[in-house]
Amino acid sequence: SEPLAWPPVSAQAASLLEEAADLLVLHRDFAAAVERCEAGCDSLGPGSGPGPGPGPESSAEVKCSLCVVGIQALAEMNRWREVLSWVLQYYHVPEHLPPKVLELCILLYSKVREPQVMLEVGSSWLRDQTNKSLPEYSSLLELYLLHVLLPLGRFEGAEELVRGCDVFDSEQQLAFLGTICESRCQWTQREEMRLVAEEPQDAATETVLGVLSQKLLTLLTLLRRALRSMSSHFYLLPYKKMLLATFLLYLVVVRLDPASPTSLPFIYKLVQLFRQAWAAVFSPIHRPPIQD
């Protein structure tokens, strides 16, 4: 009664599985462990699914174990985003995933707070009629409810899944429906608290904008008054005298020599014009204008 030997391909995959496990646990060489897992899965080929006889069944177990080790190695390298696509390249469709691999994927993406990645994959696996006959089906359904549907707020889908499930008796269905109802209440409370927390921020923003608008309006009012006052002063300014004084200043500075005796009458006239212009601009409005 000697144990049946594995086929040569399965033996090669089993050897690669042992190497990958040692690299993962003992040597902590995660990249090399992933390489061994990929080589082992490639050696098994596409026809290594579960089936009758010890050979195919052993190949399926080895392939599942290789994927489990590969998932752990990828997670250790923080390459968890690649896990699902990496697994599906060997199983092609979600319905063919082994229960252990599906469980590990659900727990991994739940831990990294990305449960939506497993939403369609888990739904496809649970709808498959072949998978419903597996002994792990009920535990995977519970895992999918607690770690995928409820964290995503898919309460209606969770209730439909529980009511349409044949593996649960009435007592189990009531327990799951109670869990869904409690999770819905907690979800609603968190949303209400989030909205309440956002309201003071909106009010504070409106208050700041109101203060800024009021300051801007006050500034514009003061600017308008200043411009109006300046315009009234410029209206009283004797423009002809200012132009004449500017022209005389040009003659004195550019054309004449201020130290020359011939320039004194022009300088004297310039000083008088500037005094008259100064008195006209800065004197009170009710003061009579200066006569020439």
Protein backbone atom coordinates (compact mmCIF):
# COMPACT_ATOMS: atom_id res chain seq x y z
CA SER A 1 0.00 0.00 0.00
CA GLU A 2 2.60 2.51 -1.09
CA PRO A 3 1.30 6.13 -1.64
CA LEU A 4 0.62 7.05 -5.21
CA ALA A 5 3.44 9.07 -6.70
CA TRP A 6 2.69 12.42 -8.24
CA PRO A 7 3.18 12.87 -11.97
CA PRO A 8 6.55 14.38 -12.95
CA VAL A 9 5.05 17.81 -13.64
CA SER A 10 3.31 17.87 -10.26
CA ALA A 11 6.52 16.77 -8.57
CA GLN A 12 8.39 19.65 -10.17
CA ALA A 13 5.68 22.09 -9.04
CA ALA A 14 5.78 20.63 -5.52
CA SER A 15 9.55 21.14 -5.41
CA LEU A 16 9.14 24.74 -6.51
CA LEU A 17 6.43 25.19 -3.86
CA GLU A 18 8.83 24.00 -1.17
CA GLU A 19 11.53 26.38 -2.38
CA ALA A 20 9.08 29.29 -2.49
CA ALA A 21 7.90 28.58 1.07
CA ASP A 22 11.49 28.52 2.34
CA LEU A 23 12.30 31.78 0.56
CA LEU A 24 9.19 33.40 2.02
CA VAL A 25 9.48 32.25 5.62
CA LEU A 26 13.16 31.57 6.24
CA HIS A 27 15.08 33.83 3.88
CA ARG A 28 12.51 36.63 3.51
CA ASP A 29 13.39 36.84 -0.18
CA PHE A 30 9.93 37.75 -1.41
CA ALA A 31 10.82 38.49 -5.03
CA ALA A 32 12.51 35.09 -5.42
CA ALA A 33 9.51 33.42 -3.77
CA VAL A 34 7.17 34.98 -6.33
CA GLU A 35 9.43 33.78 -9.14
CA ARG A 36 9.31 30.19 -7.82
CA CYS A 37 5.53 30.37 -7.53
CA GLU A 38 5.19 31.60 -11.09
CA ALA A 39 7.50 28.88 -12.37
CA GLY A 40 5.50 26.25 -10.48
CA CYS A 41 2.14 27.46 -11.82
CA ASP A 42 3.53 27.62 -15.35
CA SER A 43 4.81 24.07 -15.06
CA LEU A 44 1.34 22.84 -14.13
CA GLY A 45 -0.25 24.44 -17.17
CA PRO A 46 -3.90 25.31 -17.74
CA GLY A 47 -5.12 21.77 -17.20
CA SER A 48 -4.30 21.60 -13.51
CA GLY A 49 -7.76 22.20 -12.20
CA PRO A 50 -9.57 19.84 -9.85
CA GLY A 51 -10.82 16.66 -11.35
CA PRO A 52 -11.09 12.93 -10.80
CA GLY A 53 -8.08 10.92 -9.81
CA PRO A 54 -5.14 11.65 -7.54
CA GLY A 55 -3.01 13.32 -10.17
CA PRO A 56 -5.24 16.28 -11.16
CA GLU A 57 -6.41 16.70 -7.57
CA SER A 58 -2.83 16.92 -6.36
CA SER A 59 -2.01 19.40 -9.12
CA ALA A 60 -4.91 21.60 -8.05
CA GLU A 61 -3.74 21.56 -4.44
CA VAL A 62 -0.19 22.42 -5.41
CA LYS A 63 -1.36 25.23 -7.66
CA CYS A 64 -3.54 26.65 -4.89
CA SER A 65 -0.65 26.50 -2.43
CA LEU A 66 1.67 28.20 -4.93
CA CYS A 67 -0.85 31.04 -5.32
CA VAL A 68 -1.22 31.39 -1.55
CA VAL A 69 2.54 31.72 -1.10
CA GLY A 70 2.71 34.15 -4.03
CA ILE A 71 -0.06 36.33 -2.57
CA GLN A 72 1.74 36.53 0.75
CA ALA A 73 5.03 37.42 -0.94
CA LEU A 74 3.42 40.15 -3.05
CA ALA A 75 1.75 41.59 0.04
CA GLU A 76 5.08 41.63 1.89
CA MET A 77 6.56 43.69 -0.98
CA ASN A 78 3.59 46.09 -0.80
CA ARG A 79 2.51 44.96 -4.27
CA TRP A 80 -0.99 44.09 -3.13
CA ARG A 81 -2.53 45.93 -6.11
CA GLU A 82 -1.14 43.20 -8.37
CA VAL A 83 -2.53 40.29 -6.37
CA LEU A 84 -5.89 39.82 -8.07
CA SER A 85 -4.58 40.16 -11.62
CA TRP A 86 -1.63 37.90 -10.73
CA VAL A 87 -3.96 35.16 -9.49
CA LEU A 88 -6.41 35.45 -12.37
CA GLN A 89 -3.67 34.86 -14.92
CA TYR A 90 -3.56 31.27 -13.64
CA TYR A 91 -7.30 30.74 -13.03
CA HIS A 92 -8.61 33.03 -15.82
CA VAL A 93 -12.12 33.57 -14.35
CA PRO A 94 -13.22 34.36 -10.76
CA GLU A 95 -15.53 31.32 -10.61
CA HIS A 96 -12.52 28.98 -10.77
CA LEU A 97 -10.67 30.49 -7.83
CA PRO A 98 -10.09 28.03 -4.98
CA PRO A 99 -11.88 28.95 -1.74
CA LYS A 100 -8.59 29.50 0.08
CA VAL A 101 -7.33 31.91 -2.59
CA LEU A 102 -10.61 33.83 -2.64
CA GLU A 103 -10.61 34.09 1.15
CA LEU A 104 -7.06 35.41 1.18
CA CYS A 105 -7.85 38.01 -1.49
CA ILE A 106 -10.94 39.25 0.36
CA LEU A 107 -9.02 39.62 3.62
CA LEU A 108 -6.08 41.33 1.91
CA TYR A 109 -8.13 43.98 0.09
CA SER A 110 -10.24 44.54 3.18
CA LYS A 111 -7.11 45.16 5.23
CA VAL A 112 -5.81 47.77 2.77
CA ARG A 113 -9.29 49.39 2.68
CA GLU A 114 -9.95 48.55 -0.96
CA PRO A 115 -12.92 46.14 -0.68
CA GLN A 116 -14.42 47.34 -3.96
CA VAL A 117 -11.74 45.38 -5.81
CA MET A 118 -13.43 42.14 -4.71
CA LEU A 119 -17.01 43.26 -5.31
CA GLU A 120 -17.53 41.74 -8.77
CA VAL A 121 -15.09 38.86 -8.22
CA GLY A 122 -16.84 37.69 -5.05
CA SER A 123 -20.28 38.11 -6.57
CA SER A 124 -19.33 36.01 -9.60
CA TRP A 125 -17.83 33.27 -7.42
CA LEU A 126 -20.88 33.11 -5.12
CA ARG A 127 -23.35 32.93 -8.04
CA ASP A 128 -21.63 29.92 -9.54
CA GLN A 129 -23.68 26.73 -9.01
CA THR A 130 -20.61 24.51 -8.67
CA ASN A 131 -19.20 26.65 -5.87
CA LYS A 132 -22.48 26.47 -3.93
CA SER A 133 -21.85 22.77 -3.29
CA LEU A 134 -18.46 23.42 -1.68
CA PRO A 135 -18.25 23.12 2.13
CA GLU A 136 -16.49 26.54 2.31
CA TYR A 137 -19.36 28.33 0.56
CA SER A 138 -21.18 29.54 3.70
CA SER A 139 -18.03 30.85 5.36
CA LEU A 140 -17.01 32.68 2.16
CA LEU A 141 -20.48 34.16 1.84
CA GLU A 142 -20.25 35.48 5.39
CA LEU A 143 -16.77 36.85 4.70
CA TYR A 144 -18.01 38.57 1.54
CA LEU A 145 -20.89 40.17 3.43
CA LEU A 146 -18.82 41.44 6.35
CA HIS A 147 -15.70 42.58 4.49
CA VAL A 148 -17.00 43.70 1.09
CA LEU A 149 -20.71 44.52 0.91
CA LEU A 150 -21.26 46.12 4.32
CA PRO A 151 -18.12 48.33 4.29
CA LEU A 152 -19.21 49.60 0.86
CA GLY A 153 -22.76 50.33 2.04
CA ARG A 154 -24.34 47.73 -0.28
CA PHE A 155 -27.10 46.88 2.18
CA GLU A 156 -29.83 46.03 -0.33
CA GLY A 157 -27.53 43.66 -2.20
CA ALA A 158 -26.50 42.05 1.08
CA GLU A 159 -30.14 41.45 2.06
CA GLU A 160 -30.96 39.96 -1.35
CA LEU A 161 -27.93 37.68 -1.13
CA VAL A 162 -28.90 36.41 2.33
CA ARG A 163 -32.57 35.86 1.48
CA GLY A 164 -31.70 34.03 -1.73
CA CYS A 165 -29.08 31.79 -0.14
CA ASP A 166 -30.08 28.14 0.35
CA VAL A 167 -27.21 27.18 2.62
CA PHE A 168 -28.54 29.27 5.52
CA ASP A 169 -31.46 28.19 7.64
CA SER A 170 -34.05 30.66 8.89
CA GLU A 171 -32.19 31.32 12.14
CA GLN A 172 -28.95 32.10 10.32
CA GLN A 173 -30.77 34.34 7.86
CA LEU A 174 -32.34 36.32 10.71
CA ALA A 175 -28.94 36.71 12.35
CA PHE A 176 -27.36 37.99 9.14
CA LEU A 177 -30.29 40.33 8.44
CA GLY A 178 -29.91 41.74 11.96
CA THR A 179 -26.22 42.33 11.33
CA ILE A 180 -27.04 44.12 8.06
CA CYS A 181 -29.65 46.31 9.80
CA GLU A 182 -27.20 47.25 12.54
CA SER A 183 -24.52 48.09 9.99
CA ARG A 184 -27.01 50.25 8.08
CA CYS A 185 -27.82 52.23 11.24
CA GLN A 186 -24.14 52.78 11.97
CA TRP A 187 -23.58 53.90 8.38
CA THR A 188 -26.45 56.41 8.66
CA GLN A 189 -25.10 57.79 11.95
CA ARG A 190 -21.64 58.27 10.46
CA GLU A 191 -23.09 60.12 7.47
CA GLU A 192 -25.12 62.40 9.75
CA MET A 193 -22.05 63.15 11.88
CA ARG A 194 -20.05 63.92 8.76
CA LEU A 195 -22.70 66.34 7.51
CA VAL A 196 -22.88 68.04 10.91
CA ALA A 197 -19.10 68.40 10.95
CA GLU A 198 -19.13 69.99 7.49
CA GLU A 199 -21.81 72.59 8.36
CA PRO A 200 -19.61 74.72 10.73
CA GLN A 201 -16.91 74.80 8.05
CA ASP A 202 -19.40 76.10 5.50
CA ALA A 203 -20.70 78.69 7.99
CA ALA A 204 -17.16 79.79 8.81
CA THR A 205 -16.40 80.15 5.11
CA GLU A 206 -19.52 82.25 4.59
CA THR A 207 -18.58 84.43 7.60
CA VAL A 208 -15.08 85.04 6.26
CA LEU A 209 -16.43 85.90 2.83
CA GLY A 210 -18.96 88.27 4.43
CA VAL A 211 -16.25 90.07 6.40
CA LEU A 212 -14.05 90.38 3.34
CA SER A 213 -16.95 91.70 1.28
CA GLN A 214 -17.75 94.29 3.95
CA LYS A 215 -14.11 95.41 4.14
CA LEU A 216 -13.92 95.67 0.37
CA LEU A 217 -17.12 97.75 0.27
CA THR A 218 -15.77 100.10 2.97
CA LEU A 219 -12.47 100.48 1.11
CA LEU A 220 -14.26 101.31 -2.14
CA THR A 221 -16.41 103.90 -0.33
CA LEU A 222 -13.35 105.62 1.17
CA LEU A 223 -11.61 105.57 -2.20
CA ARG A 224 -14.61 107.19 -3.87
CA ARG A 225 -14.70 109.95 -1.23
CA ALA A 226 -10.98 110.58 -1.64
CA LEU A 227 -11.30 110.85 -5.41
CA ARG A 228 -14.27 113.20 -5.04
CA SER A 229 -12.30 115.43 -2.62
CA MET A 230 -9.27 115.47 -4.91
CA SER A 231 -11.43 116.38 -7.87
CA SER A 232 -12.91 119.33 -5.99
CA HIS A 233 -9.41 120.61 -5.14
CA PHE A 234 -8.20 120.20 -8.69
CA TYR A 235 -11.26 122.06 -9.88
CA LEU A 236 -10.10 125.13 -7.87
CA LEU A 237 -6.58 124.92 -9.25
CA PRO A 238 -5.62 127.81 -11.57
CA TYR A 239 -4.44 125.72 -14.50
CA LYS A 240 -3.09 128.63 -16.50
CA LYS A 241 -0.89 129.74 -13.62
CA MET A 242 0.36 126.20 -13.05
CA LEU A 243 1.24 125.85 -16.72
CA LEU A 244 2.97 129.20 -16.71
CA ALA A 245 4.92 128.30 -13.57
CA THR A 246 6.00 125.01 -15.13
CA PHE A 247 7.13 126.81 -18.27
CA LEU A 248 9.11 129.38 -16.26
CA LEU A 249 10.70 126.57 -14.22
CA TYR A 250 11.77 124.96 -17.47
CA LEU A 251 13.34 128.26 -18.65
CA VAL A 252 15.16 128.81 -15.38
CA VAL A 253 16.55 125.28 -15.06
CA VAL A 254 17.26 124.47 -18.70
CA ARG A 255 17.66 127.74 -20.58
CA LEU A 256 18.84 130.19 -17.91
CA ASP A 257 21.52 130.28 -15.32
CA PRO A 258 19.97 130.75 -11.84
CA ALA A 259 23.12 132.57 -10.68
CA SER A 260 22.86 135.12 -13.45
CA PRO A 261 21.35 138.58 -12.52
CA THR A 262 19.15 138.40 -15.64
CA SER A 263 17.41 135.30 -14.26
CA LEU A 264 16.23 136.96 -11.02
CA PRO A 265 12.97 138.47 -12.44
CA PHE A 266 11.95 135.09 -13.81
CA ILE A 267 12.70 133.32 -10.52
CA TYR A 268 10.77 135.96 -8.55
CA LYS A 269 7.77 135.58 -10.86
CA LEU A 270 7.96 131.80 -10.55
CA VAL A 271 7.89 131.93 -6.73
CA GLN A 272 4.84 134.21 -6.77
CA LEU A 273 2.96 131.89 -9.14
CA PHE A 274 3.69 128.85 -6.99
CA ARG A 275 2.52 130.66 -3.83
CA GLN A 276 -0.76 131.64 -5.49
CA ALA A 277 -1.32 128.08 -6.76
CA TRP A 278 -0.54 126.64 -3.31
CA ALA A 279 -3.00 129.01 -1.63
CA ALA A 280 -5.70 128.13 -4.17
CA VAL A 281 -5.32 124.36 -3.67
CA PHE A 282 -4.92 124.12 0.10
CA SER A 283 -7.04 127.04 1.29
CA PRO A 284 -10.57 126.43 2.62
CA ILE A 285 -13.32 126.25 0.02
CA HIS A 286 -15.13 129.32 1.39
CA ARG A 287 -11.96 131.44 1.08
CA PRO A 288 -12.25 133.95 -1.80
CA PRO A 289 -9.86 133.30 -4.66
CA ILE A 290 -6.62 135.29 -4.80
CA GLN A 291 -6.74 138.20 -7.21
CA ASP A 292 -3.93 138.80 -9.67
